[in-house]
Protein backbone atom coordinates (compact mmCIF):
# COMPACT_ATOMS: atom_id res chain seq x y z
CA MET A 1 42.44 102.86 21.01
CA LEU A 2 40.85 105.35 18.64
CA GLU A 3 37.19 105.03 17.65
CA ARG A 4 36.56 106.59 14.25
CA GLY A 5 33.95 109.28 13.76
CA ILE A 6 31.17 107.99 11.51
CA GLY A 7 28.58 110.08 9.68
CA LEU A 8 28.83 113.34 11.58
CA PRO A 9 25.41 115.02 11.91
CA PRO A 10 24.61 118.41 10.32
CA ASN A 11 26.12 121.51 11.96
CA TYR A 12 28.77 119.45 13.79
CA ASP A 13 32.38 120.63 13.98
CA THR A 14 34.27 118.54 11.42
CA ASN A 15 37.59 119.72 12.90
CA ALA A 16 36.88 118.15 16.29
CA PRO A 17 39.52 115.51 17.12
CA LEU A 18 39.17 111.76 17.44
CA ILE A 19 40.15 110.89 21.01
CA GLU A 20 41.60 107.80 22.65
CA THR A 21 39.16 105.34 24.22
CA VAL A 22 39.12 102.40 26.64
CA ARG A 23 36.87 99.35 26.37
CA VAL A 24 34.40 98.62 29.20
CA SER A 25 32.96 95.19 28.47
CA HIS A 26 31.36 94.49 31.89
CA CYS A 27 28.69 96.38 33.82
CA PRO A 28 30.35 98.88 36.21
CA VAL A 29 27.68 98.18 38.86
CA CYS A 30 27.19 94.40 39.01
CA GLY A 31 30.00 93.11 36.77
CA SER A 32 27.73 91.21 34.37
CA ASP A 33 28.65 90.96 30.70
CA HIS A 34 25.02 90.44 29.63
CA ARG A 35 23.87 93.60 27.91
CA ARG A 36 21.85 95.13 25.10
CA GLU A 37 22.55 98.18 22.95
CA TYR A 38 20.83 101.22 24.44
CA ALA A 39 21.72 104.42 22.54
CA HIS A 40 24.45 106.05 20.49
CA GLY A 41 25.45 109.57 19.58
CA PHE A 42 28.07 112.33 19.52
CA ASP A 43 29.12 115.10 21.90
CA TYR A 44 26.11 117.18 20.95
CA GLU A 45 26.59 119.71 23.74
CA ILE A 46 30.08 121.10 23.15
CA GLU A 47 31.51 119.05 20.26
CA THR A 48 34.83 118.26 21.94
CA CYS A 49 35.44 115.23 19.70
CA ARG A 50 34.03 113.51 16.64
CA ASN A 51 33.90 109.95 18.02
CA LEU A 52 30.62 108.06 17.74
CA TRP A 53 29.73 106.74 21.22
CA THR A 54 27.57 103.75 22.17
CA PHE A 55 25.73 103.00 25.42
CA PHE A 56 24.67 99.56 26.62
CA GLN A 57 22.21 98.48 29.32
CA CYS A 58 22.93 95.62 31.71
CA THR A 59 20.19 92.99 31.51
CA GLU A 60 20.87 92.03 35.15
CA CYS A 61 20.80 95.28 37.18
CA GLU A 62 19.61 97.70 34.43
CA ALA A 63 22.56 100.08 34.75
CA VAL A 64 23.57 101.84 31.52
CA TRP A 65 27.19 102.49 30.55
CA ILE A 66 29.28 103.81 27.69
CA ASP A 67 31.58 101.38 25.85
CA PRO A 68 34.18 102.31 24.89
CA ARG A 69 34.62 105.33 27.13
CA PRO A 70 37.10 108.21 26.79
CA ALA A 71 40.57 107.39 28.12
CA ASN A 72 41.56 109.17 31.34
CA GLY A 73 44.20 111.06 29.42
CA GLU A 74 41.43 112.75 27.40
CA LEU A 75 39.64 114.29 30.41
CA SER A 76 41.05 117.74 29.68
CA THR A 77 39.61 117.44 26.16
CA ILE A 78 36.07 116.49 27.12
CA TYR A 79 36.10 118.88 30.12
CA PRO A 80 37.60 122.04 28.58
CA PRO A 81 38.22 125.18 30.72
CA THR A 82 34.94 126.57 29.33
CA TYR A 83 32.90 123.61 30.69
CA TYR A 84 29.66 125.07 32.06
CA ALA A 85 30.00 123.82 35.66
CA TYR A 86 33.24 125.75 36.22
CA ASP A 87 31.75 129.23 35.82
CA MET A 88 28.00 128.78 35.87
CA SER A 89 27.48 131.92 37.94
CA GLU A 90 29.08 134.00 35.18
CA LYS A 91 27.16 132.42 32.29
CA LEU A 92 23.57 132.24 33.53
CA PRO A 93 21.21 135.24 33.66
CA ALA A 94 20.66 136.69 37.15
CA VAL A 95 17.01 135.64 37.29
CA ILE A 96 17.95 132.02 36.51
CA LEU A 97 20.69 132.06 39.15
CA LYS A 98 18.20 133.29 41.76
CA GLY A 99 15.81 130.49 40.84
CA LYS A 100 18.59 127.89 41.03
CA ALA A 101 19.73 129.23 44.41
CA MET A 102 16.18 128.91 45.74
CA LEU A 103 15.91 125.31 44.50
CA ASP A 104 19.36 124.54 45.96
CA ARG A 105 18.32 125.86 49.38
CA ILE A 106 15.15 123.76 49.31
CA LYS A 107 17.14 120.66 48.31
CA LEU A 108 19.80 121.12 51.01
CA ALA A 109 17.16 121.86 53.64
CA GLY A 110 15.34 118.65 52.68
CA ILE A 111 18.54 116.63 53.02
CA THR A 112 19.60 118.03 56.41
CA LYS A 113 16.04 117.77 57.72
CA ARG A 114 16.19 114.01 57.21
CA MET A 115 19.43 113.70 59.18
CA GLU A 116 19.15 112.85 62.86
CA LYS A 117 21.83 115.37 63.83
CA LYS A 118 22.94 118.67 62.35
CA PRO A 119 26.04 118.09 60.20
CA THR A 120 29.23 119.78 61.42
CA SER A 121 31.37 118.82 58.41
CA TYR A 122 30.50 118.78 54.73
CA LEU A 123 32.07 117.62 51.47
CA ASP A 124 30.80 118.40 47.98
CA VAL A 125 32.28 116.12 45.32
CA GLY A 126 32.20 117.93 42.00
CA CYS A 127 32.01 121.31 43.70
CA GLY A 128 32.27 123.35 40.47
CA ASP A 129 32.10 127.03 41.31
CA GLY A 130 31.34 126.22 44.96
CA ARG A 131 27.72 127.25 45.19
CA TYR A 132 26.89 124.52 47.73
CA LEU A 133 30.01 125.30 49.77
CA TYR A 134 28.89 128.91 50.12
CA GLN A 135 25.41 127.82 51.13
CA PHE A 136 26.75 125.78 54.05
CA ALA A 137 29.00 128.67 55.05
CA GLU A 138 25.90 130.90 55.11
CA ARG A 139 24.26 128.33 57.40
CA GLY A 140 27.04 128.94 59.92
CA MET A 141 29.33 125.97 59.30
CA SER A 142 33.02 126.80 59.73
CA ARG A 143 34.80 127.05 56.38
CA ASP A 144 37.65 124.85 57.59
CA ARG A 145 35.03 122.09 57.95
CA ILE A 146 33.69 122.58 54.43
CA TYR A 147 35.45 120.51 51.76
CA GLY A 148 35.25 120.45 47.99
CA MET A 149 36.70 118.33 45.20
CA ASP A 150 36.65 118.64 41.42
CA LEU A 151 38.82 118.23 38.38
CA PRO A 152 41.35 121.06 37.93
CA SER A 153 39.53 124.27 36.95
CA PRO A 154 39.91 128.05 37.24
CA ALA A 155 37.26 128.07 40.00
CA LEU A 156 39.23 126.09 42.59
CA PRO A 157 41.92 128.67 43.53
CA LYS A 158 39.21 131.21 44.40
CA LEU A 159 37.44 128.72 46.64
CA GLN A 160 40.72 127.98 48.39
CA SER A 161 41.40 131.70 48.88
CA ASP A 162 37.90 132.05 50.37
CA GLY A 163 38.85 129.63 53.14
CA PHE A 164 37.34 126.36 51.93
CA ARG A 165 39.35 123.14 51.96
CA VAL A 166 39.33 122.28 48.28
CA TRP A 167 41.36 119.83 46.20
CA ALA A 168 41.74 119.21 42.49
CA GLY A 169 41.58 115.57 41.50
CA ARG A 170 39.53 112.39 41.68
CA VAL A 171 37.99 110.78 44.75
CA GLU A 172 39.93 107.60 44.00
CA ASP A 173 43.26 109.45 44.33
CA CYS A 174 42.51 111.66 47.34
CA THR A 175 44.50 111.03 50.55
CA GLU A 176 43.83 114.30 52.38
CA ILE A 177 40.54 113.32 54.06
CA GLU A 178 40.66 111.16 57.18
CA PRO A 179 38.26 108.19 57.49
CA GLY A 180 35.13 108.77 59.55
CA THR A 181 35.33 112.58 59.59
CA ILE A 182 32.57 113.85 57.27
CA ASP A 183 28.93 114.05 58.40
CA LEU A 184 27.41 114.87 55.02
CA ILE A 185 28.73 114.25 51.52
CA THR A 186 26.89 115.50 48.46
CA MET A 187 27.58 114.33 44.95
CA PHE A 188 25.20 116.15 42.65
CA HIS A 189 25.40 114.86 39.08
CA VAL A 190 28.88 113.40 39.53
CA ILE A 191 28.57 109.63 40.08
CA GLU A 192 27.58 109.21 36.43
CA HIS A 193 30.92 110.80 35.40
CA VAL A 194 33.31 108.45 37.22
CA GLU A 195 35.22 105.42 35.96
CA ASP A 196 34.25 103.02 38.78
CA PRO A 197 31.12 104.19 40.65
CA ILE A 198 31.25 101.40 43.23
CA ALA A 199 34.90 102.12 44.15
CA VAL A 200 34.11 105.83 44.47
CA MET A 201 31.09 105.21 46.67
CA ARG A 202 33.11 102.86 48.89
CA LYS A 203 35.76 105.55 49.33
CA LEU A 204 33.06 108.06 50.28
CA THR A 205 31.65 105.54 52.76
CA GLU A 206 35.09 105.40 54.41
CA TRP A 207 35.10 109.18 54.83
CA LEU A 208 31.62 109.34 56.34
CA SER A 209 31.25 109.44 60.10
CA PRO A 210 29.02 106.73 61.68
CA GLY A 211 25.47 107.64 60.76
CA GLY A 212 26.74 110.10 58.17
CA VAL A 213 24.77 110.59 54.98
CA LEU A 214 25.71 110.43 51.30
CA ALA A 215 23.32 112.42 49.10
CA LEU A 216 23.82 111.88 45.41
CA GLU A 217 21.80 113.19 42.51
CA THR A 218 21.94 111.51 39.13
CA PRO A 219 19.90 111.23 35.93
CA ASN A 220 16.99 108.81 35.99
CA THR A 221 16.85 106.48 32.98
CA ASP A 222 13.29 105.55 33.95
CA SER A 223 11.85 108.93 32.91
CA ILE A 224 9.50 110.11 30.21
CA ASP A 225 12.05 112.37 28.51
CA ARG A 226 14.54 109.50 28.24
CA ARG A 227 11.84 107.42 26.53
CA LEU A 228 10.84 110.26 24.21
CA PHE A 229 14.46 110.91 23.15
CA SER A 230 15.66 107.31 23.15
CA ASN A 231 17.60 107.73 19.89
CA GLY A 232 20.63 109.28 21.62
CA TRP A 233 19.50 112.90 21.82
CA TRP A 234 18.45 112.60 25.47
CA GLY A 235 20.25 115.29 27.45
CA GLY A 236 20.81 112.92 30.38
CA LEU A 237 23.36 110.99 28.33
CA HIS A 238 25.65 114.07 28.31
CA ILE A 239 27.82 112.28 25.74
CA PRO A 240 30.68 111.41 26.32
CA ARG A 241 30.98 112.69 29.90
CA HIS A 242 28.37 110.41 31.48
CA TRP A 243 29.90 106.96 31.81
CA THR A 244 27.33 105.14 34.01
CA LEU A 245 23.61 105.89 34.31
CA PHE A 246 21.04 104.51 36.73
CA ASN A 247 17.41 103.89 37.51
CA SER A 248 16.04 103.20 41.00
CA LYS A 249 16.95 99.50 40.75
CA SER A 250 20.57 99.94 39.68
CA ILE A 251 21.33 102.83 42.05
CA GLY A 252 19.89 100.79 44.93
CA ARG A 253 22.24 97.97 43.97
CA ALA A 254 25.19 100.38 43.91
CA VAL A 255 24.34 101.83 47.34
CA GLU A 256 24.24 98.40 48.94
CA LYS A 257 27.49 97.28 47.27
CA ALA A 258 29.18 100.39 48.69
CA GLY A 259 28.26 99.30 52.24
CA LEU A 260 25.55 101.92 52.78
CA GLU A 261 21.94 101.66 53.92
CA PRO A 262 19.34 103.06 51.50
CA ALA A 263 17.43 105.95 53.07
CA GLY A 264 15.16 107.05 50.23
CA ILE A 265 14.89 108.22 46.64
CA PHE A 266 13.37 111.63 45.92
CA TYR A 267 12.73 112.80 42.38
CA GLN A 268 14.09 116.17 41.25
CA THR A 269 13.66 118.48 38.29
CA GLY A 270 15.65 117.57 35.21
CA HIS A 271 14.99 120.74 33.25
CA SER A 272 18.42 120.86 31.60
CA PHE A 273 17.96 117.30 30.27
CA TRP A 274 14.69 118.28 28.59
CA LEU A 275 16.21 121.44 27.11
CA HIS A 276 19.31 119.70 25.80
CA SER A 277 17.14 116.96 24.30
CA PHE A 278 15.08 119.46 22.31
CA ARG A 279 18.22 121.37 21.30
CA HIS A 280 19.99 118.21 20.12
CA GLY A 281 17.03 117.05 18.08
CA LEU A 282 16.46 120.42 16.44
CA ARG A 283 20.11 121.13 15.67
CA TYR A 284 21.41 117.73 14.61
CA ASN A 285 18.52 115.87 12.94
CA THR A 286 19.23 114.94 9.33
CA VAL A 287 15.73 115.66 7.96
CA LEU A 288 15.22 119.34 8.79
CA PRO A 289 17.97 120.74 11.03
CA MET A 290 17.05 124.07 12.65
CA PRO A 291 20.15 125.36 14.45
CA LYS A 292 18.75 128.84 15.15
CA LEU A 293 15.57 127.51 16.74
CA ALA A 294 17.67 124.97 18.65
CA GLU A 295 19.41 127.77 20.55
CA TRP A 296 16.08 128.72 22.12
CA PHE A 297 16.54 125.53 24.13
CA ASN A 298 20.13 126.16 25.23
CA PRO A 299 19.95 125.87 29.07
CA MET A 300 22.74 128.43 29.45
CA LYS A 301 20.85 131.06 27.45
CA SER A 302 17.12 130.35 27.54
CA ARG A 303 14.77 131.86 30.09
CA LEU A 304 11.16 131.17 29.20
CA PRO A 305 11.75 127.54 28.08
CA LEU A 306 13.84 126.90 31.21
CA MET A 307 11.20 128.32 33.54
CA ALA A 308 8.38 126.51 31.71
CA ILE A 309 10.06 123.12 31.83
CA THR A 310 11.12 123.61 35.47
CA GLY A 311 7.49 124.32 36.34
CA PHE A 312 6.40 121.25 34.36
CA GLU A 313 8.87 119.04 36.21
CA LEU A 314 7.87 120.47 39.61
CA LEU A 315 4.22 119.74 38.82
CA ARG A 316 5.04 116.20 37.73
CA ARG A 317 7.04 115.63 40.89
CA THR A 318 4.16 116.92 43.03
CA LEU A 319 1.85 114.45 41.29
CA GLY A 320 4.21 111.58 42.12
CA ALA A 321 5.88 111.11 38.73
CA ARG A 322 9.42 109.76 38.37
CA THR A 323 11.10 112.82 36.93
CA SER A 324 14.38 113.16 35.07
CA ALA A 325 16.70 113.16 38.09
CA MET A 326 16.92 111.17 41.33
CA LEU A 327 18.16 112.42 44.71
CA VAL A 328 19.36 109.30 46.53
CA LEU A 329 20.04 109.35 50.28
CA ALA A 330 22.15 106.62 51.86
CA ARG A 331 23.42 106.26 55.43
CA LYS A 332 26.59 104.78 56.85
CA PRO A 333 25.73 102.15 59.49
CA GLY A 334 26.65 102.83 63.09
CA GLY A 335 24.81 106.01 63.97
CA PRO A 336 21.27 107.33 64.36
CA PRO A 337 18.89 106.62 61.47
CA VAL A 338 17.88 109.04 58.78
CA ALA A 339 14.44 110.40 59.57
């Protein structure tokens, strides 16, 4: 069905299309139909459509989901070829890329350090431009044991030509990976994008070897920036591409339903969520919109705000705060424990 666009905010593209939607009346995590309205808003980031979107929170497990959501046939609309994840290395300034690479290395080192054995096979779901694939290749893992999946994009053919085993499509539809063959699967900021997070996590559990680890990163709805920007401008909503959002309670429920053993939650920087939140509020508020100032907070262009907020989030994490993103580790039963 089509959801009409209502009261577009200032500076929004009035020519953006209305897209087809699908109702999601029950919680995607626990199946409950008990819910409360949580937030609403438009595609503030790239204005792919003019639908007004609404999020609800489950009163049982506290998961948050969008209802209605975009229909699967509209994926190419809400993920255009210019979507930032497909060519991030070409869009970001060199100094920002170096900083991200350093944080990526620290994150991957922390994950593998907590595994009992060194992984010999690796899958990145939502591989984008392949930055994590290249990092494992640099660590010495054979490229024919490094796998990647994402929606069709211009980045995938290059990754394939570089020797990685990469497929275009959804986890739910993939038949190329044999059960029990992957030691480590990462899913960084992907689980919130999928139609059925429990089904996807169960499929990943099948692919894991005994004792293998799933590491997923996802926005944290129990964060200060989400509370500050609770009116729908919060960058973690990533409207309408984020379909299910979690806190520690709901992601723990999802892990257990997928047949995995929880192995820890570690809080990460959510600098882009902060920046998008400020940008959305400055650009689209109806009282005093400031589109030029808003661009100072564009994560793909800003430098000083990005570095400042990253430092702020790192400090908060050091002090034990629950920051804007969660890194969740879960283990498939049957092998050595995660350290």
